[in-house]
Each structure stands twice: as C-alpha cells, then as structure tokens.
C-alpha cells in the first residue's frame, strides 16, 4: 500500500505579527483567553492539588497563616501597645482585615513568580501566557472562601451577629479580585525580565500592608493625609470588607465607584502591558 504524500499547504500555518492597535491586542487576547478557559480551570485545580499535597494539615494551611498573624498582632497591638477596636474583640477586628489582605498578598506573590517557574512550558507550548498568573489568583480565591467561613465561625464564637449588609462583601471581593489580577499580570511580566521583583516582593508587601488598614482602622489616619491615604484602593476595599462583615455597615457608594474605576483601568493597562511583553517572554526567561 502506498501512502499519498501530504501537501505542504494542507498543514495549518499560524503567522504571528505585531498587533496594529491596543484595541486589537485587547480583543485578540480576550478571545484567546476565552478559547482556553478549560486550560485555566485545569491549571487552577493543579495549583490547589500541588499546594497541599503530602501536607499533614491540608486545607488548614488556607487559614493557619492568618490565624497565627491574628494572634501575634493581637498580642502586640492590643495587649502591649494598647490599641483598641471599640466594642469589637480585637482578634476579630484583626482577622477581618487579614482575610482580604492575605488573598491579595498570596495572589500577587505567587503569580509574580509564575512565569519564571513555568519557563519550560512557555518555551515549548503556545497558549495565552496570562493563564499562568490568573490561575494563581483564582486558586487564592478558595483560600479566601475558607477564611470567610472561619470569620463567620469566629463571629459566632464572640457573639457578633451578622446582618444583610454582609452581602456587600461580595462586590468588595470582586473589586479586590480585579486589583489582584491587575497586579499579578503587571508584576509577573516584569519578574520575567527583572528578578529584582521577586527579591523585593516580601518587603514591598510588608510596607503595603502597613499602608492599608489591616491591623488598625482608617479612622486613626490624620485628616491632613487621609485623602492621600485613601487614594490607595486597597485601603478602601479592606476597610469596606471589615465594615460589611463584622460591623454590618455598607460601603460608601462613591468609594466603590472610585475603586471600580481605578481597578478596571489598572486591569486594562496591566493586561495590555502583559500582552505587549508576551511576544518575548520565551526569550528572556
């Protein structure tokens, strides 16, 4: 039996050209990302499987770091320094701020190194590279969910009742997710070219943590600098999460509009930057 030769023009050829405009970059990137949504799901599940594989505590690691920090900060700021939180137990006050902050810091720190970690895959397989940092952020969402369940259990223990205003935490988490994705895309693209990002990441996150109301309330910020302080959308979102969940107070509409606008703008700019640098990722890692 004789096999007929396959004509060269029968094989599909993919031609990669520079994008003509930013709109084209955004449109083509989102289309490719949607076509590879199953890959995003699989890589997210892989993150979760690998993270707790052969671990004695398993899923407890999702909240254990926040619990340890809660105990430490409660002893330091409440017992030693004497910083108060009104009628709310200080441990609950701290934990309600640590949950959204831990989600953001975990997302950014793990996603920033994701491109470098997967350099073998990037240099051999063609797929939307943004799936890598996105999968880290998506995996951190599960830890956030476990933390929120722990928060509800702590509120029950301390006798703090929840109200329907706790539902405001959903859009707050949505905006926090957008901010995390924007930071993850931007930092992961730069981390591939400048390894300094990974070295400086712990210090940057520590400074940013104390620049947001995680272990204290934004009410203690002097009025003279409060406008500058609240220009950071993370400060507004973390405070709004705490107010909605444990204080039962809804966020300010104007603050949410501001955070939504800034988050979306940062996401678009970060995604376009990532796609602009995407073409040379395999060459620099």
C-alpha atoms as a PDB file:
ATOM      1  CA  UNK A   1       0.000   0.000   0.000  1.00  0.00           C
ATOM      2  CA  UNK A   2       1.310   3.382  -0.995  1.00  0.00           C
ATOM      3  CA  UNK A   3       0.676   6.439   1.129  1.00  0.00           C
ATOM      4  CA  UNK A   4      -0.015   9.637  -0.732  1.00  0.00           C
ATOM      5  CA  UNK A   5       2.319  12.463   0.267  1.00  0.00           C
ATOM      6  CA  UNK A   6       0.744  15.247   2.260  1.00  0.00           C
ATOM      7  CA  UNK A   7       0.902  18.551   0.513  1.00  0.00           C
ATOM      8  CA  UNK A   8       2.709  21.265   2.380  1.00  0.00           C
ATOM      9  CA  UNK A   9      -0.205  23.639   2.001  1.00  0.00           C
ATOM     10  CA  UNK A  10      -2.556  21.181   3.734  1.00  0.00           C
ATOM     11  CA  UNK A  11      -0.997  21.991   7.104  1.00  0.00           C
ATOM     12  CA  UNK A  12      -2.320  24.922   9.079  1.00  0.00           C
ATOM     13  CA  UNK A  13       0.122  27.768   9.407  1.00  0.00           C
ATOM     14  CA  UNK A  14      -0.076  30.333  12.186  1.00  0.00           C
ATOM     15  CA  UNK A  15       1.540  33.665  11.426  1.00  0.00           C
ATOM     16  CA  UNK A  16       2.415  35.855  14.400  1.00  0.00           C
ATOM     17  CA  UNK A  17       2.512  39.557  13.647  1.00  0.00           C
ATOM     18  CA  UNK A  18       2.765  42.658  15.809  1.00  0.00           C
ATOM     19  CA  UNK A  19      -0.683  43.959  16.753  1.00  0.00           C
ATOM     20  CA  UNK A  20      -1.812  47.066  14.948  1.00  0.00           C
ATOM     21  CA  UNK A  21      -3.523  48.752  17.871  1.00  0.00           C
ATOM     22  CA  UNK A  22      -4.203  48.445  21.576  1.00  0.00           C
ATOM     23  CA  UNK A  23      -7.814  47.507  20.866  1.00  0.00           C
ATOM     24  CA  UNK A  24      -6.624  44.657  18.689  1.00  0.00           C
ATOM     25  CA  UNK A  25      -4.286  43.476  21.430  1.00  0.00           C
ATOM     26  CA  UNK A  26      -7.106  43.514  23.963  1.00  0.00           C
ATOM     27  CA  UNK A  27      -9.642  41.866  21.683  1.00  0.00           C
ATOM     28  CA  UNK A  28      -7.325  39.117  20.443  1.00  0.00           C
ATOM     29  CA  UNK A  29      -6.060  38.411  23.950  1.00  0.00           C
ATOM     30  CA  UNK A  30      -9.516  38.085  25.476  1.00  0.00           C
ATOM     31  CA  UNK A  31     -10.685  35.871  22.612  1.00  0.00           C
ATOM     32  CA  UNK A  32      -7.711  33.539  23.063  1.00  0.00           C
ATOM     33  CA  UNK A  33      -8.241  33.513  26.811  1.00  0.00           C
ATOM     34  CA  UNK A  34     -11.887  32.539  26.390  1.00  0.00           C
ATOM     35  CA  UNK A  35     -10.959  29.754  23.972  1.00  0.00           C
ATOM     36  CA  UNK A  36      -8.529  28.387  26.550  1.00  0.00           C
ATOM     37  CA  UNK A  37     -10.826  28.684  29.588  1.00  0.00           C
ATOM     38  CA  UNK A  38     -10.611  24.938  30.176  1.00  0.00           C
ATOM     39  CA  UNK A  39      -6.831  25.233  30.470  1.00  0.00           C
ATOM     40  CA  UNK A  40      -7.283  27.991  33.056  1.00  0.00           C
ATOM     41  CA  UNK A  41      -9.552  25.711  35.070  1.00  0.00           C
ATOM     42  CA  UNK A  42      -7.120  22.802  34.898  1.00  0.00           C
ATOM     43  CA  UNK A  43      -4.138  24.923  35.927  1.00  0.00           C
ATOM     44  CA  UNK A  44      -6.131  26.371  38.826  1.00  0.00           C
ATOM     45  CA  UNK A  45      -7.028  22.887  40.038  1.00  0.00           C
ATOM     46  CA  UNK A  46      -3.390  21.897  39.654  1.00  0.00           C
ATOM     47  CA  UNK A  47      -2.347  24.768  41.911  1.00  0.00           C
ATOM     48  CA  UNK A  48      -4.708  23.535  44.606  1.00  0.00           C
ATOM     49  CA  UNK A  49      -3.586  19.913  44.311  1.00  0.00           C
ATOM     50  CA  UNK A  50       0.113  20.715  44.421  1.00  0.00           C
ATOM     51  CA  UNK A  51      -0.166  23.269  47.228  1.00  0.00           C
ATOM     52  CA  UNK A  52      -1.467  20.841  49.854  1.00  0.00           C
ATOM     53  CA  UNK A  53      -0.052  17.575  48.532  1.00  0.00           C
ATOM     54  CA  UNK A  54       1.660  15.466  51.223  1.00  0.00           C
ATOM     55  CA  UNK A  55       0.692  18.050  53.837  1.00  0.00           C
ATOM     56  CA  UNK A  56      -0.293  16.926  57.322  1.00  0.00           C
ATOM     57  CA  UNK A  57      -2.560  19.914  57.961  1.00  0.00           C
ATOM     58  CA  UNK A  58      -4.002  20.017  54.440  1.00  0.00           C
ATOM     59  CA  UNK A  59      -6.578  22.761  53.909  1.00  0.00           C
ATOM     60  CA  UNK A  60      -5.887  24.208  57.340  1.00  0.00           C
ATOM     61  CA  UNK A  61      -2.962  25.994  55.700  1.00  0.00           C
ATOM     62  CA  UNK A  62      -5.544  28.173  53.948  1.00  0.00           C
ATOM     63  CA  UNK A  63      -6.286  29.967  57.233  1.00  0.00           C
ATOM     64  CA  UNK A  64      -3.386  28.986  59.505  1.00  0.00           C
ATOM     65  CA  UNK A  65      -1.090  31.887  58.460  1.00  0.00           C
ATOM     66  CA  UNK A  66      -3.896  34.394  59.071  1.00  0.00           C
ATOM     67  CA  UNK A  67      -4.676  32.821  62.447  1.00  0.00           C
ATOM     68  CA  UNK A  68      -1.026  32.977  63.533  1.00  0.00           C
ATOM     69  CA  UNK A  69      -0.743  36.608  62.420  1.00  0.00           C
ATOM     70  CA  UNK A  70      -4.024  37.386  64.182  1.00  0.00           C
ATOM     71  CA  UNK A  71      -2.703  36.031  67.474  1.00  0.00           C
ATOM     72  CA  UNK A  72       0.629  37.836  67.053  1.00  0.00           C
ATOM     73  CA  UNK A  73      -0.874  41.203  66.151  1.00  0.00           C
ATOM     74  CA  UNK A  74      -3.492  40.914  68.875  1.00  0.00           C
ATOM     75  CA  UNK A  75      -0.800  40.399  71.498  1.00  0.00           C
ATOM     76  CA  UNK A  76       1.406  43.186  70.149  1.00  0.00           C
ATOM     77  CA  UNK A  77      -1.112  45.881  69.261  1.00  0.00           C
ATOM     78  CA  UNK A  78      -3.856  45.160  71.792  1.00  0.00           C
ATOM     79  CA  UNK A  79      -2.081  43.817  74.873  1.00  0.00           C
ATOM     80  CA  UNK A  80       1.289  45.565  74.628  1.00  0.00           C
ATOM     81  CA  UNK A  81       0.640  48.804  72.725  1.00  0.00           C
ATOM     82  CA  UNK A  82      -2.957  49.089  73.913  1.00  0.00           C
ATOM     83  CA  UNK A  83      -4.535  49.816  70.549  1.00  0.00           C
ATOM     84  CA  UNK A  84      -8.295  49.375  70.811  1.00  0.00           C
ATOM     85  CA  UNK A  85     -11.106  48.388  68.448  1.00  0.00           C
ATOM     86  CA  UNK A  86     -14.153  49.668  70.317  1.00  0.00           C
ATOM     87  CA  UNK A  87     -16.667  47.057  71.447  1.00  0.00           C
ATOM     88  CA  UNK A  88     -15.453  44.557  68.860  1.00  0.00           C
ATOM     89  CA  UNK A  89     -12.933  41.929  70.053  1.00  0.00           C
ATOM     90  CA  UNK A  90      -9.554  42.925  68.694  1.00  0.00           C
ATOM     91  CA  UNK A  91      -8.837  39.407  67.424  1.00  0.00           C
ATOM     92  CA  UNK A  92     -11.961  39.557  65.267  1.00  0.00           C
ATOM     93  CA  UNK A  93     -11.071  43.059  64.127  1.00  0.00           C
ATOM     94  CA  UNK A  94      -7.617  41.906  63.023  1.00  0.00           C
ATOM     95  CA  UNK A  95      -8.819  38.717  61.336  1.00  0.00           C
ATOM     96  CA  UNK A  96     -11.443  40.549  59.267  1.00  0.00           C
ATOM     97  CA  UNK A  97      -8.658  42.667  57.795  1.00  0.00           C
ATOM     98  CA  UNK A  98      -6.190  39.828  57.347  1.00  0.00           C
ATOM     99  CA  UNK A  99      -8.563  37.748  55.208  1.00  0.00           C
ATOM    100  CA  UNK A 100      -8.752  40.127  52.210  1.00  0.00           C
ATOM    101  CA  UNK A 101      -5.131  41.175  52.645  1.00  0.00           C
ATOM    102  CA  UNK A 102      -3.898  37.563  52.666  1.00  0.00           C
ATOM    103  CA  UNK A 103      -5.836  36.919  49.469  1.00  0.00           C
ATOM    104  CA  UNK A 104      -4.193  39.883  47.747  1.00  0.00           C
ATOM    105  CA  UNK A 105      -0.670  39.199  49.006  1.00  0.00           C
ATOM    106  CA  UNK A 106      -0.833  35.480  48.240  1.00  0.00           C
ATOM    107  CA  UNK A 107      -2.179  36.132  44.748  1.00  0.00           C
ATOM    108  CA  UNK A 108       0.474  38.694  43.891  1.00  0.00           C
ATOM    109  CA  UNK A 109       3.469  36.934  45.451  1.00  0.00           C
ATOM    110  CA  UNK A 110       2.742  33.546  43.865  1.00  0.00           C
ATOM    111  CA  UNK A 111       1.634  34.892  40.481  1.00  0.00           C
ATOM    112  CA  UNK A 112       4.679  37.161  40.147  1.00  0.00           C
ATOM    113  CA  UNK A 113       6.988  34.157  40.087  1.00  0.00           C
ATOM    114  CA  UNK A 114       4.643  32.023  37.977  1.00  0.00           C
ATOM    115  CA  UNK A 115       6.062  32.950  34.581  1.00  0.00           C
ATOM    116  CA  UNK A 116       9.623  32.142  35.660  1.00  0.00           C
ATOM    117  CA  UNK A 117       8.506  28.899  37.292  1.00  0.00           C
ATOM    118  CA  UNK A 118       6.840  27.751  34.056  1.00  0.00           C
ATOM    119  CA  UNK A 119       9.608  28.813  31.666  1.00  0.00           C
ATOM    120  CA  UNK A 120       9.921  25.222  30.386  1.00  0.00           C
ATOM    121  CA  UNK A 121       6.237  25.169  29.415  1.00  0.00           C
ATOM    122  CA  UNK A 122       6.296  28.663  27.897  1.00  0.00           C
ATOM    123  CA  UNK A 123       9.252  27.893  25.648  1.00  0.00           C
ATOM    124  CA  UNK A 124       7.608  24.776  24.193  1.00  0.00           C
ATOM    125  CA  UNK A 125       3.827  25.235  24.092  1.00  0.00           C
ATOM    126  CA  UNK A 126       1.764  28.039  22.541  1.00  0.00           C
ATOM    127  CA  UNK A 127      -1.057  29.213  24.817  1.00  0.00           C
ATOM    128  CA  UNK A 128      -2.168  32.507  26.380  1.00  0.00           C
ATOM    129  CA  UNK A 129       0.591  33.175  28.904  1.00  0.00           C
ATOM    130  CA  UNK A 130      -1.707  35.223  31.142  1.00  0.00           C
ATOM    131  CA  UNK A 131      -3.371  31.962  32.165  1.00  0.00           C
ATOM    132  CA  UNK A 132      -0.419  31.291  34.472  1.00  0.00           C
ATOM    133  CA  UNK A 133      -0.790  34.331  36.778  1.00  0.00           C
ATOM    134  CA  UNK A 134      -4.583  34.146  36.518  1.00  0.00           C
ATOM    135  CA  UNK A 135      -4.553  30.568  37.785  1.00  0.00           C
ATOM    136  CA  UNK A 136      -2.656  31.618  40.911  1.00  0.00           C
ATOM    137  CA  UNK A 137      -5.168  34.368  41.657  1.00  0.00           C
ATOM    138  CA  UNK A 138      -8.091  32.012  41.047  1.00  0.00           C
ATOM    139  CA  UNK A 139      -6.566  29.416  43.384  1.00  0.00           C
ATOM    140  CA  UNK A 140      -6.204  32.039  46.123  1.00  0.00           C
ATOM    141  CA  UNK A 141      -9.965  32.651  45.893  1.00  0.00           C
ATOM    142  CA  UNK A 142     -10.577  29.275  47.517  1.00  0.00           C
ATOM    143  CA  UNK A 143      -8.365  30.249  50.449  1.00  0.00           C
ATOM    144  CA  UNK A 144     -10.398  33.448  50.719  1.00  0.00           C
ATOM    145  CA  UNK A 145     -13.599  31.407  50.875  1.00  0.00           C
ATOM    146  CA  UNK A 146     -12.198  29.203  53.649  1.00  0.00           C
ATOM    147  CA  UNK A 147     -11.092  32.320  55.519  1.00  0.00           C
ATOM    148  CA  UNK A 148     -14.573  33.826  55.291  1.00  0.00           C
ATOM    149  CA  UNK A 149     -16.058  30.645  56.753  1.00  0.00           C
ATOM    150  CA  UNK A 150     -13.559  30.870  59.595  1.00  0.00           C
ATOM    151  CA  UNK A 151     -14.545  34.511  60.109  1.00  0.00           C
ATOM    152  CA  UNK A 152     -18.198  33.523  60.378  1.00  0.00           C
ATOM    153  CA  UNK A 153     -17.269  30.885  62.967  1.00  0.00           C
ATOM    154  CA  UNK A 154     -15.288  33.438  64.976  1.00  0.00           C
ATOM    155  CA  UNK A 155     -18.199  35.895  64.886  1.00  0.00           C
ATOM    156  CA  UNK A 156     -20.465  33.189  66.260  1.00  0.00           C
ATOM    157  CA  UNK A 157     -17.924  32.405  68.989  1.00  0.00           C
ATOM    158  CA  UNK A 158     -17.639  36.049  70.055  1.00  0.00           C
ATOM    159  CA  UNK A 159     -21.396  36.576  69.846  1.00  0.00           C
ATOM    160  CA  UNK A 160     -21.239  39.083  66.978  1.00  0.00           C
ATOM    161  CA  UNK A 161     -24.303  38.777  64.775  1.00  0.00           C
ATOM    162  CA  UNK A 162     -24.220  39.262  61.025  1.00  0.00           C
ATOM    163  CA  UNK A 163     -26.617  41.439  59.065  1.00  0.00           C
ATOM    164  CA  UNK A 164     -27.718  41.521  55.445  1.00  0.00           C
ATOM    165  CA  UNK A 165     -25.100  44.226  54.892  1.00  0.00           C
ATOM    166  CA  UNK A 166     -22.560  41.407  54.965  1.00  0.00           C
ATOM    167  CA  UNK A 167     -23.617  40.744  51.354  1.00  0.00           C
ATOM    168  CA  UNK A 168     -21.766  43.918  50.416  1.00  0.00           C
ATOM    169  CA  UNK A 169     -18.620  41.872  50.896  1.00  0.00           C
ATOM    170  CA  UNK A 170     -19.356  40.159  47.562  1.00  0.00           C
ATOM    171  CA  UNK A 171     -18.808  43.223  45.320  1.00  0.00           C
ATOM    172  CA  UNK A 172     -15.904  44.264  47.551  1.00  0.00           C
ATOM    173  CA  UNK A 173     -14.239  40.889  46.962  1.00  0.00           C
ATOM    174  CA  UNK A 174     -14.975  41.248  43.249  1.00  0.00           C
ATOM    175  CA  UNK A 175     -13.113  44.564  43.103  1.00  0.00           C
ATOM    176  CA  UNK A 176     -10.298  43.121  45.182  1.00  0.00           C
ATOM    177  CA  UNK A 177     -10.047  40.253  42.698  1.00  0.00           C
ATOM    178  CA  UNK A 178      -9.709  42.729  39.821  1.00  0.00           C
ATOM    179  CA  UNK A 179      -6.955  44.603  41.680  1.00  0.00           C
ATOM    180  CA  UNK A 180      -5.154  41.331  42.373  1.00  0.00           C
ATOM    181  CA  UNK A 181      -5.316  40.259  38.726  1.00  0.00           C
ATOM    182  CA  UNK A 182      -4.013  43.646  37.581  1.00  0.00           C
ATOM    183  CA  UNK A 183      -1.067  43.494  39.992  1.00  0.00           C
ATOM    184  CA  UNK A 184      -0.369  39.845  39.140  1.00  0.00           C
ATOM    185  CA  UNK A 185      -0.243  40.465  35.391  1.00  0.00           C
ATOM    186  CA  UNK A 186       1.989  43.504  35.705  1.00  0.00           C
ATOM    187  CA  UNK A 187       4.447  42.031  38.210  1.00  0.00           C
ATOM    188  CA  UNK A 188       4.690  38.633  36.529  1.00  0.00           C
ATOM    189  CA  UNK A 189       5.616  40.258  33.209  1.00  0.00           C
ATOM    190  CA  UNK A 190       8.335  42.350  34.848  1.00  0.00           C
ATOM    191  CA  UNK A 191       9.541  39.473  37.019  1.00  0.00           C
ATOM    192  CA  UNK A 192      10.429  37.550  33.854  1.00  0.00           C
ATOM    193  CA  UNK A 193      12.838  40.342  32.899  1.00  0.00           C
ATOM    194  CA  UNK A 194      13.949  41.692  36.244  1.00  0.00           C
ATOM    195  CA  UNK A 195      14.471  39.137  39.014  1.00  0.00           C
ATOM    196  CA  UNK A 196      14.683  42.045  41.463  1.00  0.00           C
ATOM    197  CA  UNK A 197      10.882  41.985  41.615  1.00  0.00           C
ATOM    198  CA  UNK A 198      10.882  38.597  43.316  1.00  0.00           C
ATOM    199  CA  UNK A 199      13.604  39.605  45.755  1.00  0.00           C
ATOM    200  CA  UNK A 200      11.861  42.850  46.708  1.00  0.00           C
ATOM    201  CA  UNK A 201       8.343  41.348  46.829  1.00  0.00           C
ATOM    202  CA  UNK A 202       8.293  40.431  50.570  1.00  0.00           C
ATOM    203  CA  UNK A 203       9.486  43.913  51.535  1.00  0.00           C
ATOM    204  CA  UNK A 204       7.033  45.649  49.204  1.00  0.00           C
ATOM    205  CA  UNK A 205       4.104  43.629  50.528  1.00  0.00           C
ATOM    206  CA  UNK A 206       5.097  44.295  54.125  1.00  0.00           C
ATOM    207  CA  UNK A 207       5.255  48.038  53.525  1.00  0.00           C
ATOM    208  CA  UNK A 208       1.957  47.967  51.648  1.00  0.00           C
ATOM    209  CA  UNK A 209       0.332  46.009  54.451  1.00  0.00           C
ATOM    210  CA  UNK A 210       1.056  48.732  56.984  1.00  0.00           C
ATOM    211  CA  UNK A 211      -0.130  51.323  54.455  1.00  0.00           C
ATOM    212  CA  UNK A 212      -3.568  49.687  54.485  1.00  0.00           C
ATOM    213  CA  UNK A 213      -5.977  49.317  57.446  1.00  0.00           C
ATOM    214  CA  UNK A 214      -5.240  45.675  58.198  1.00  0.00           C
ATOM    215  CA  UNK A 215      -4.169  45.911  61.849  1.00  0.00           C
ATOM    216  CA  UNK A 216      -5.738  49.292  62.539  1.00  0.00           C
ATOM    217  CA  UNK A 217      -8.759  51.313  61.466  1.00  0.00           C
ATOM    218  CA  UNK A 218      -8.564  54.023  58.835  1.00  0.00           C
ATOM    219  CA  UNK A 219     -10.286  56.281  61.381  1.00  0.00           C
ATOM    220  CA  UNK A 220      -6.926  56.835  63.110  1.00  0.00           C
ATOM    221  CA  UNK A 221      -5.404  58.382  59.987  1.00  0.00           C
ATOM    222  CA  UNK A 222      -4.968  62.173  60.384  1.00  0.00           C
ATOM    223  CA  UNK A 223      -7.329  64.230  58.244  1.00  0.00           C
ATOM    224  CA  UNK A 224      -4.422  66.069  56.636  1.00  0.00           C
ATOM    225  CA  UNK A 225      -3.158  62.937  54.902  1.00  0.00           C
ATOM    226  CA  UNK A 226      -6.353  60.885  54.756  1.00  0.00           C
ATOM    227  CA  UNK A 227      -7.141  61.895  51.168  1.00  0.00           C
ATOM    228  CA  UNK A 228      -3.742  60.643  50.034  1.00  0.00           C
ATOM    229  CA  UNK A 229      -4.079  57.522  52.176  1.00  0.00           C
ATOM    230  CA  UNK A 230      -7.465  56.614  50.702  1.00  0.00           C
ATOM    231  CA  UNK A 231      -6.170  57.096  47.163  1.00  0.00           C
ATOM    232  CA  UNK A 232      -4.977  53.510  47.585  1.00  0.00           C
ATOM    233  CA  UNK A 233      -7.964  51.360  46.540  1.00  0.00           C
ATOM    234  CA  UNK A 234      -6.720  48.502  48.733  1.00  0.00           C
ATOM    235  CA  UNK A 235      -7.178  50.674  51.815  1.00  0.00           C
ATOM    236  CA  UNK A 236     -10.792  51.357  50.882  1.00  0.00           C
ATOM    237  CA  UNK A 237     -11.594  47.766  49.964  1.00  0.00           C
ATOM    238  CA  UNK A 238     -10.100  46.182  53.082  1.00  0.00           C
ATOM    239  CA  UNK A 239     -11.861  48.685  55.316  1.00  0.00           C
ATOM    240  CA  UNK A 240     -15.119  48.140  53.392  1.00  0.00           C
ATOM    241  CA  UNK A 241     -14.792  44.360  53.794  1.00  0.00           C
ATOM    242  CA  UNK A 242     -14.373  44.721  57.559  1.00  0.00           C
ATOM    243  CA  UNK A 243     -17.235  47.189  57.859  1.00  0.00           C
ATOM    244  CA  UNK A 244     -19.599  44.971  55.887  1.00  0.00           C
ATOM    245  CA  UNK A 245     -18.773  41.654  57.557  1.00  0.00           C
ATOM    246  CA  UNK A 246     -18.246  42.395  61.242  1.00  0.00           C
ATOM    247  CA  UNK A 247     -19.740  45.869  61.717  1.00  0.00           C
ATOM    248  CA  UNK A 248     -22.731  45.383  59.416  1.00  0.00           C
ATOM    249  CA  UNK A 249     -22.197  48.726  57.680  1.00  0.00           C
ATOM    250  CA  UNK A 250     -22.472  49.102  53.920  1.00  0.00           C
ATOM    251  CA  UNK A 251     -19.673  50.794  51.954  1.00  0.00           C
ATOM    252  CA  UNK A 252     -19.888  54.312  50.598  1.00  0.00           C
ATOM    253  CA  UNK A 253     -21.230  54.339  47.041  1.00  0.00           C
ATOM    254  CA  UNK A 254     -18.699  56.939  45.934  1.00  0.00           C
ATOM    255  CA  UNK A 255     -15.818  54.879  47.323  1.00  0.00           C
ATOM    256  CA  UNK A 256     -16.972  51.812  45.407  1.00  0.00           C
ATOM    257  CA  UNK A 257     -17.278  53.806  42.185  1.00  0.00           C
ATOM    258  CA  UNK A 258     -13.747  55.106  42.684  1.00  0.00           C
ATOM    259  CA  UNK A 259     -12.336  51.637  43.435  1.00  0.00           C
ATOM    260  CA  UNK A 260     -14.211  50.129  40.497  1.00  0.00           C
ATOM    261  CA  UNK A 261     -12.929  52.755  38.085  1.00  0.00           C
ATOM    262  CA  UNK A 262      -9.329  52.520  39.283  1.00  0.00           C
ATOM    263  CA  UNK A 263      -9.413  48.708  39.341  1.00  0.00           C
ATOM    264  CA  UNK A 264     -10.756  48.383  35.802  1.00  0.00           C
ATOM    265  CA  UNK A 265      -8.313  50.959  34.422  1.00  0.00           C
ATOM    266  CA  UNK A 266      -5.386  49.215  36.118  1.00  0.00           C
ATOM    267  CA  UNK A 267      -6.577  45.848  34.838  1.00  0.00           C
ATOM    268  CA  UNK A 268      -6.810  47.043  31.233  1.00  0.00           C
ATOM    269  CA  UNK A 269      -3.410  48.749  31.374  1.00  0.00           C
ATOM    270  CA  UNK A 270      -1.768  45.745  33.040  1.00  0.00           C
ATOM    271  CA  UNK A 271      -3.281  43.310  30.570  1.00  0.00           C
ATOM    272  CA  UNK A 272      -2.194  45.363  27.589  1.00  0.00           C
ATOM    273  CA  UNK A 273       1.299  45.668  29.061  1.00  0.00           C
ATOM    274  CA  UNK A 274       1.427  41.921  29.614  1.00  0.00           C
ATOM    275  CA  UNK A 275       0.353  41.210  26.032  1.00  0.00           C
ATOM    276  CA  UNK A 276       2.895  43.687  24.660  1.00  0.00           C
ATOM    277  CA  UNK A 277       5.664  41.901  26.540  1.00  0.00           C
ATOM    278  CA  UNK A 278       4.228  38.449  25.874  1.00  0.00           C
ATOM    279  CA  UNK A 279       5.908  38.031  22.494  1.00  0.00           C
ATOM    280  CA  UNK A 280       9.397  37.989  24.015  1.00  0.00           C
ATOM    281  CA  UNK A 281       8.689  36.096  27.236  1.00  0.00           C
ATOM    282  CA  UNK A 282      10.217  32.865  25.927  1.00  0.00           C
ATOM    283  CA  UNK A 283      13.403  34.729  25.032  1.00  0.00           C
ATOM    284  CA  UNK A 284      14.021  36.427  28.382  1.00  0.00           C
ATOM    285  CA  UNK A 285      13.154  33.731  30.901  1.00  0.00           C
END
